[in-house]
Protein backbone atom coordinates (compact mmCIF):
# COMPACT_ATOMS: atom_id res chain seq x y z
CA MET A 1 30.91 77.38 70.74
CA GLN A 2 29.67 80.97 70.43
CA PRO A 3 31.30 83.58 72.67
CA THR A 4 29.29 85.11 75.49
CA ILE A 5 27.80 88.46 74.46
CA ASP A 6 26.12 90.89 76.84
CA PHE A 7 23.16 91.83 74.65
CA ALA A 8 21.64 93.73 77.57
CA SER A 9 24.44 96.30 77.13
CA ILE A 10 23.27 97.02 73.56
CA ARG A 11 20.75 99.79 74.01
CA GLY A 12 17.43 99.14 72.34
CA PHE A 13 18.06 95.44 71.77
CA GLU A 14 15.22 94.20 73.95
CA THR A 15 12.87 96.82 72.52
CA LEU A 16 13.82 95.72 69.02
CA TRP A 17 13.00 92.10 69.90
CA ALA A 18 9.63 93.08 71.36
CA GLN A 19 8.62 95.35 68.49
CA LEU A 20 9.67 93.09 65.62
CA THR A 21 7.99 90.04 67.10
CA PHE A 22 4.64 91.61 66.25
CA ARG A 23 5.66 93.49 63.09
CA ALA A 24 3.87 92.78 59.82
CA PRO A 25 6.24 91.20 57.25
CA ARG A 26 8.00 93.62 54.85
CA GLN A 27 7.05 96.68 56.89
CA VAL A 28 9.57 99.52 56.80
CA PRO A 29 11.53 100.41 59.96
CA ARG A 30 9.71 102.50 62.53
CA ASP A 31 12.62 104.90 62.77
CA GLN A 32 16.30 105.30 62.08
CA THR A 33 17.28 103.83 65.43
CA GLU A 34 15.74 100.48 64.48
CA ARG A 35 17.35 100.47 61.03
CA MET A 36 20.79 101.28 62.40
CA LEU A 37 20.61 98.72 65.21
CA LEU A 38 19.71 95.94 62.76
CA ASP A 39 22.62 96.90 60.52
CA ALA A 40 24.93 97.12 63.54
CA LEU A 41 23.90 93.58 64.48
CA GLY A 42 24.52 92.41 60.90
CA LEU A 43 20.86 91.53 60.30
CA GLY A 44 18.59 92.20 57.36
CA LEU A 45 15.31 93.95 58.20
CA GLU A 46 13.03 91.47 56.48
CA GLN A 47 15.15 88.60 57.75
CA ALA A 48 14.66 89.68 61.36
CA ILE A 49 10.95 90.45 60.96
CA GLN A 50 10.22 87.09 59.36
CA HIS A 51 12.15 85.12 61.97
CA LEU A 52 10.60 86.89 64.93
CA GLY A 53 7.11 86.88 63.46
CA GLN A 54 7.23 83.16 62.71
CA ALA A 55 9.26 81.79 65.61
CA ARG A 56 8.13 84.24 68.32
CA PRO A 57 11.25 83.37 70.33
CA GLU A 58 11.94 84.32 73.90
CA LEU A 59 14.58 87.00 74.31
CA ALA A 60 17.35 84.49 75.07
CA ALA A 61 16.44 82.45 72.00
CA PHE A 62 16.55 85.60 69.87
CA GLU A 63 20.01 86.39 71.21
CA ALA A 64 21.17 82.89 70.26
CA TRP A 65 19.66 83.28 66.78
CA VAL A 66 21.51 86.56 66.25
CA LEU A 67 24.81 84.89 67.13
CA THR A 68 24.13 81.90 64.89
CA THR A 69 22.91 84.04 61.99
CA ALA A 70 25.24 87.03 61.99
CA GLY A 71 27.97 86.19 64.48
CA PRO A 72 28.97 88.30 67.49
CA PRO A 73 28.21 92.01 67.03
CA ASP A 74 31.29 94.07 66.26
CA PRO A 75 32.12 96.09 69.43
CA GLU A 76 33.34 99.10 67.44
CA THR A 77 30.14 99.20 65.38
CA ILE A 78 28.03 98.98 68.53
CA ALA A 79 30.12 101.79 70.03
CA ARG A 80 29.43 103.86 66.90
CA TYR A 81 25.71 103.16 67.26
CA HIS A 82 25.74 104.21 70.93
CA ALA A 83 27.68 107.35 70.06
CA TRP A 84 25.00 108.27 67.52
CA LEU A 85 22.29 107.73 70.14
CA ASP A 86 24.13 110.08 72.50
CA GLY A 87 24.97 112.69 69.90
CA ALA A 88 28.62 112.04 70.72
CA PRO A 89 31.60 112.12 68.32
CA LEU A 90 32.36 109.03 66.27
CA PRO A 91 34.73 106.51 67.85
CA GLU A 92 38.27 107.29 66.73
CA SER A 93 38.53 104.20 64.52
CA PHE A 94 35.45 105.18 62.54
CA GLN A 95 36.40 108.84 62.36
CA THR A 96 39.74 107.82 60.84
CA LYS A 97 37.92 105.74 58.22
CA VAL A 98 35.47 108.55 57.43
CA ASP A 99 38.34 111.03 57.04
CA ALA A 100 40.18 108.66 54.70
CA VAL A 101 37.14 108.17 52.46
CA ASP A 102 36.44 111.93 52.39
CA ALA A 103 40.07 112.58 51.39
CA ALA A 104 40.19 109.86 48.70
CA ASP A 105 40.11 110.76 45.01
CA PRO A 106 36.61 110.89 43.49
CA VAL A 107 35.35 107.75 41.79
CA LEU A 108 32.46 109.55 40.05
CA ASP A 109 33.60 112.24 37.62
CA GLY A 110 31.89 115.41 36.47
CA ASP A 111 29.90 113.64 33.76
CA ASP A 112 28.76 111.01 36.25
CA LEU A 113 27.57 113.66 38.70
CA ALA A 114 25.82 115.64 35.97
CA HIS A 115 24.02 112.45 34.90
CA TRP A 116 23.07 111.85 38.53
CA GLU A 117 21.57 115.31 38.88
CA ARG A 118 19.70 115.06 35.58
CA GLU A 119 18.57 111.44 35.54
CA GLY A 120 18.69 110.44 39.21
CA TRP A 121 20.92 107.39 38.72
CA VAL A 122 24.52 106.57 37.91
CA VAL A 123 26.74 103.55 37.26
CA LEU A 124 29.94 103.08 39.24
CA ARG A 125 32.12 100.98 36.95
CA GLN A 126 34.31 98.26 38.49
CA ALA A 127 32.91 98.93 41.94
CA ILE A 128 34.51 95.68 43.11
CA ARG A 129 37.21 93.48 41.62
CA ALA A 130 36.42 90.75 39.10
CA ASP A 131 37.40 88.01 41.56
CA GLU A 132 35.12 89.51 44.22
CA ALA A 133 32.18 89.58 41.82
CA ALA A 134 32.94 85.98 40.82
CA ALA A 135 32.99 84.89 44.49
CA ALA A 136 29.59 86.46 45.12
CA GLU A 137 28.27 84.89 41.91
CA ASP A 138 29.50 81.47 43.06
CA LEU A 139 27.80 81.97 46.44
CA LEU A 140 24.52 82.82 44.71
CA TRP A 141 24.69 79.68 42.57
CA GLN A 142 25.22 77.65 45.74
CA ILE A 143 22.25 79.25 47.50
CA VAL A 144 19.81 78.71 44.63
CA GLY A 145 21.16 75.20 44.03
CA GLY A 146 21.68 75.85 40.34
CA ASP A 147 24.33 74.75 37.87
CA PRO A 148 25.41 77.40 35.35
CA ALA A 149 25.62 74.69 32.67
CA ILE A 150 22.17 73.18 33.32
CA PRO A 151 19.34 75.67 32.64
CA ALA A 152 16.72 73.29 34.04
CA SER A 153 18.36 73.71 37.48
CA TRP A 154 17.79 77.46 37.49
CA TYR A 155 14.14 77.17 38.49
CA ASP A 156 14.25 74.93 41.56
CA TYR A 157 14.84 77.70 44.09
CA ARG A 158 11.69 79.22 45.57
CA GLY A 159 12.41 82.51 47.23
CA ASN A 160 10.48 85.74 47.39
CA GLY A 161 10.08 86.24 43.64
CA ILE A 162 13.55 86.95 42.33
CA MET A 163 14.75 87.94 45.80
CA VAL A 164 17.15 85.52 47.44
CA GLN A 165 16.79 85.78 51.21
CA HIS A 166 20.46 85.48 52.05
CA PHE A 167 22.13 88.27 53.98
CA GLN A 168 25.37 87.10 55.63
CA HIS A 169 28.53 85.81 53.97
CA PRO A 170 32.12 87.04 53.53
CA ALA A 171 31.60 87.14 49.76
CA MET A 172 28.79 89.65 50.30
CA ASN A 173 30.87 91.76 52.66
CA ALA A 174 33.36 92.55 49.89
CA ALA A 175 30.91 95.02 48.38
CA ARG A 176 29.77 96.36 51.74
CA THR A 177 33.34 97.30 52.63
CA ALA A 178 34.68 98.26 49.18
CA PRO A 179 36.44 101.66 49.31
CA ARG A 180 35.24 102.63 45.80
CA ILE A 181 31.63 101.96 46.74
CA HIS A 182 31.90 103.90 49.98
CA LYS A 183 33.47 106.82 48.12
CA ALA A 184 30.73 106.84 45.47
CA PHE A 185 28.01 107.06 48.09
CA ALA A 186 30.02 109.68 49.98
CA GLN A 187 30.12 111.85 46.85
CA LEU A 188 26.36 111.56 46.39
CA TRP A 189 25.51 112.14 50.06
CA GLY A 190 28.15 114.81 50.63
CA THR A 191 29.70 112.92 53.54
CA ALA A 192 31.45 109.63 54.25
CA ASP A 193 29.73 109.33 57.64
CA LEU A 194 27.33 106.70 56.30
CA TRP A 195 25.99 103.32 57.37
CA THR A 196 25.92 100.20 55.20
CA THR A 197 22.71 98.23 54.86
CA ILE A 198 22.61 94.48 55.36
CA ASP A 199 20.65 93.42 52.30
CA ARG A 200 20.02 90.34 50.18
CA MET A 201 20.77 88.95 46.72
CA SER A 202 18.76 88.48 43.52
CA PHE A 203 18.46 85.71 40.94
CA ASN A 204 16.34 86.47 37.88
CA PRO A 205 16.41 83.53 35.41
CA PRO A 206 15.12 83.73 31.83
CA GLU A 207 11.35 83.59 31.53
CA THR A 208 9.76 80.30 30.56
CA VAL A 209 6.15 79.28 29.95
CA GLY A 210 6.08 77.62 33.34
CA ARG A 211 8.06 80.31 35.12
CA PRO A 212 7.07 83.82 34.03
CA PHE A 213 8.73 86.93 35.41
CA GLN A 214 8.30 87.02 39.18
CA GLY A 215 8.61 90.79 39.69
CA PRO A 216 9.05 93.19 41.36
CA HIS A 217 7.64 95.58 38.79
CA LEU A 218 8.04 99.37 38.99
CA HIS A 219 7.57 100.55 42.55
CA TRP A 220 8.92 102.77 45.32
CA ASP A 221 10.33 101.52 48.63
CA VAL A 222 9.55 104.77 50.42
CA SER A 223 6.45 106.67 51.42
CA LEU A 224 5.31 109.11 48.74
CA THR A 225 4.17 111.59 51.37
CA LEU A 226 5.96 114.82 50.49
CA PRO A 227 8.65 115.80 50.91
CA VAL A 228 10.29 112.48 50.06
CA PRO A 229 13.71 112.67 51.76
CA PHE A 230 16.84 112.22 49.69
CA ALA A 231 18.24 108.70 49.92
CA THR A 232 19.94 106.20 47.66
CA GLN A 233 19.50 102.59 46.63
CA GLY A 234 21.93 100.32 44.84
CA ILE A 235 22.27 97.05 42.96
CA LEU A 236 25.56 95.34 42.14
CA TYR A 237 25.63 93.14 39.03
CA LEU A 238 27.64 89.97 39.60
CA THR A 239 27.73 89.04 35.91
CA ASP A 240 27.57 91.01 32.68
CA THR A 241 23.91 92.02 32.36
CA GLY A 242 22.28 93.10 29.11
CA ALA A 243 19.25 95.33 28.74
CA ASP A 244 17.05 92.30 27.95
CA GLN A 245 18.50 90.17 30.76
CA GLY A 246 16.15 91.18 33.56
CA ALA A 247 18.08 94.40 34.11
CA LEU A 248 17.02 96.99 36.65
CA THR A 249 14.59 99.47 35.08
CA LEU A 250 14.13 103.08 36.16
CA VAL A 251 12.07 106.10 35.16
CA PRO A 252 14.89 108.62 34.57
CA GLY A 253 14.55 112.11 35.96
CA PHE A 254 11.29 111.36 37.76
CA HIS A 255 12.55 113.07 40.91
CA HIS A 256 12.26 116.40 39.11
CA ARG A 257 8.53 115.97 38.50
CA LEU A 258 7.38 113.74 41.35
CA ALA A 259 5.69 116.51 43.34
CA GLY A 260 3.70 117.78 40.35
CA TRP A 261 2.79 114.26 39.30
CA LEU A 262 1.48 113.45 42.78
CA ALA A 263 -0.57 116.64 42.79
CA GLU A 264 -2.17 115.63 39.48
CA ALA A 265 -2.92 112.16 40.88
CA GLY A 266 -5.12 113.73 43.55
CA HIS A 267 -6.79 111.05 45.64
CA ARG A 268 -5.86 108.22 43.28
CA ASN A 269 -3.37 105.64 44.45
CA PRO A 270 -0.13 106.77 42.76
CA ARG A 271 1.33 103.29 43.11
CA ALA A 272 -1.37 101.92 40.82
CA VAL A 273 -0.42 104.22 37.91
CA ASP A 274 1.33 102.38 35.07
CA LEU A 275 4.67 104.06 34.29
CA ASN A 276 6.19 101.19 32.33
CA ALA A 277 6.19 103.09 29.04
CA GLN A 278 8.62 105.60 30.61
CA ALA A 279 10.98 103.05 32.15
CA VAL A 280 14.41 102.26 30.72
CA PRO A 281 16.66 99.25 31.44
CA THR A 282 20.14 99.76 32.88
CA PRO A 283 22.65 97.25 31.48
CA ALA A 284 26.10 97.03 33.06
CA ASP A 285 29.01 94.64 33.53
CA ALA A 286 30.01 92.27 36.30
CA GLY A 287 31.20 94.26 39.31
CA ASP A 288 29.38 97.44 38.28
CA LEU A 289 27.12 99.14 40.81
CA ILE A 290 23.98 101.06 39.80
CA ILE A 291 22.94 103.69 42.33
CA TRP A 292 19.63 105.52 42.10
CA ARG A 293 17.58 107.98 44.13
CA GLN A 294 14.85 106.41 46.24
CA ASP A 295 12.24 108.73 44.69
CA LEU A 296 12.69 107.12 41.25
CA PRO A 297 10.21 104.39 40.27
CA HIS A 298 12.30 101.25 39.80
CA GLY A 299 12.01 97.51 39.42
CA ALA A 300 13.42 94.44 37.78
CA SER A 301 12.33 93.43 34.28
CA PRO A 302 11.48 90.19 32.46
CA ASN A 303 14.60 88.26 31.50
CA ARG A 304 14.36 87.48 27.79
CA ALA A 305 18.02 86.54 27.39
CA VAL A 306 19.65 83.14 27.89
CA ARG A 307 21.47 83.68 31.21
CA PRO A 308 20.16 84.66 34.66
CA ARG A 309 20.56 88.13 36.07
CA MET A 310 22.60 87.74 39.25
CA ALA A 311 22.93 90.62 41.67
CA GLN A 312 23.47 91.82 45.22
CA TYR A 313 21.75 94.83 46.77
CA VAL A 314 24.21 97.31 48.25
CA ASN A 315 23.42 100.66 49.81
CA TYR A 316 24.67 103.30 52.24
CA TYR A 317 22.60 105.82 54.15
CA SER A 318 23.04 108.78 56.46
CA PRO A 319 22.23 108.52 60.18
CA ALA A 320 20.27 111.75 59.68
CA LEU A 321 17.89 110.18 57.14
CA PRO A 322 14.29 110.62 58.35
CA ILE A 323 11.66 107.90 57.95
CA HIS A 324 8.21 109.35 57.28
CA PRO A 325 5.63 107.96 59.71
CA GLU A 326 2.78 108.28 57.19
CA TRP A 327 2.74 105.79 54.30
CA ARG A 328 1.29 106.91 51.00
């Protein structure tokens, strides 16, 4: 039996329910308050939008769904969210954690940071332990209903392309709470006072005649209205992933020339421009995390190897991150 939770005490909860019930699928958050409340509740954005848009539940039914899906909200995280709304100091427990991460030894060295500045992406090696990566890999096999030894079973799952719409599990929380991952994002953001996104997994099997690459191709997940605010994105490989194994592809250094490129595009739709010739794959090992700037074009790639690409999306963001109201 689920514990009794006073959702009415969570500021913005009822507004969130009302707004998302009529939100178009896959739409970005209206503002940072909405993004942070979803993460505080342990919900994925698309997960919540799809459920509310399809089920159109009453408020009480939505509360029950939150408890069933993500469990009771963590009181300390809700307190942190309320403190941010009020412009108040962090709760002591979170401030202690932030201070510890800020004081920890760097996990990205000088070469890593120089690569980040030049290319706009970096690999954090051994972001989580081998056993943690293996546990998340096992979870992903269970979700897609596949057997690693039976390739024919790799194509039964029908998700959103290669995206696996699964957001909550202890095996996924290992990466969301990993000290090395938090420190890496803290180095890139310049602060450890960051929020963790509740995101999904990815299963990209080898292409076949009957199952070609499902995408996504090169794209941006942010408005290209200038200035594009600094933010990060991340993908954690759960198995060793070669360059031809459906690896993440990026256009390196594009953040340095985005503004000029957009000016040259004029009134054309910049998202329709083919940049594939400039994209490079990013191979890495199991447990490695690739972090990139959100202003880099990025996407998965066709898997021409013999094993699936298996991954989990992991990211941190600053409460001060603006969300541009105009989508370009």
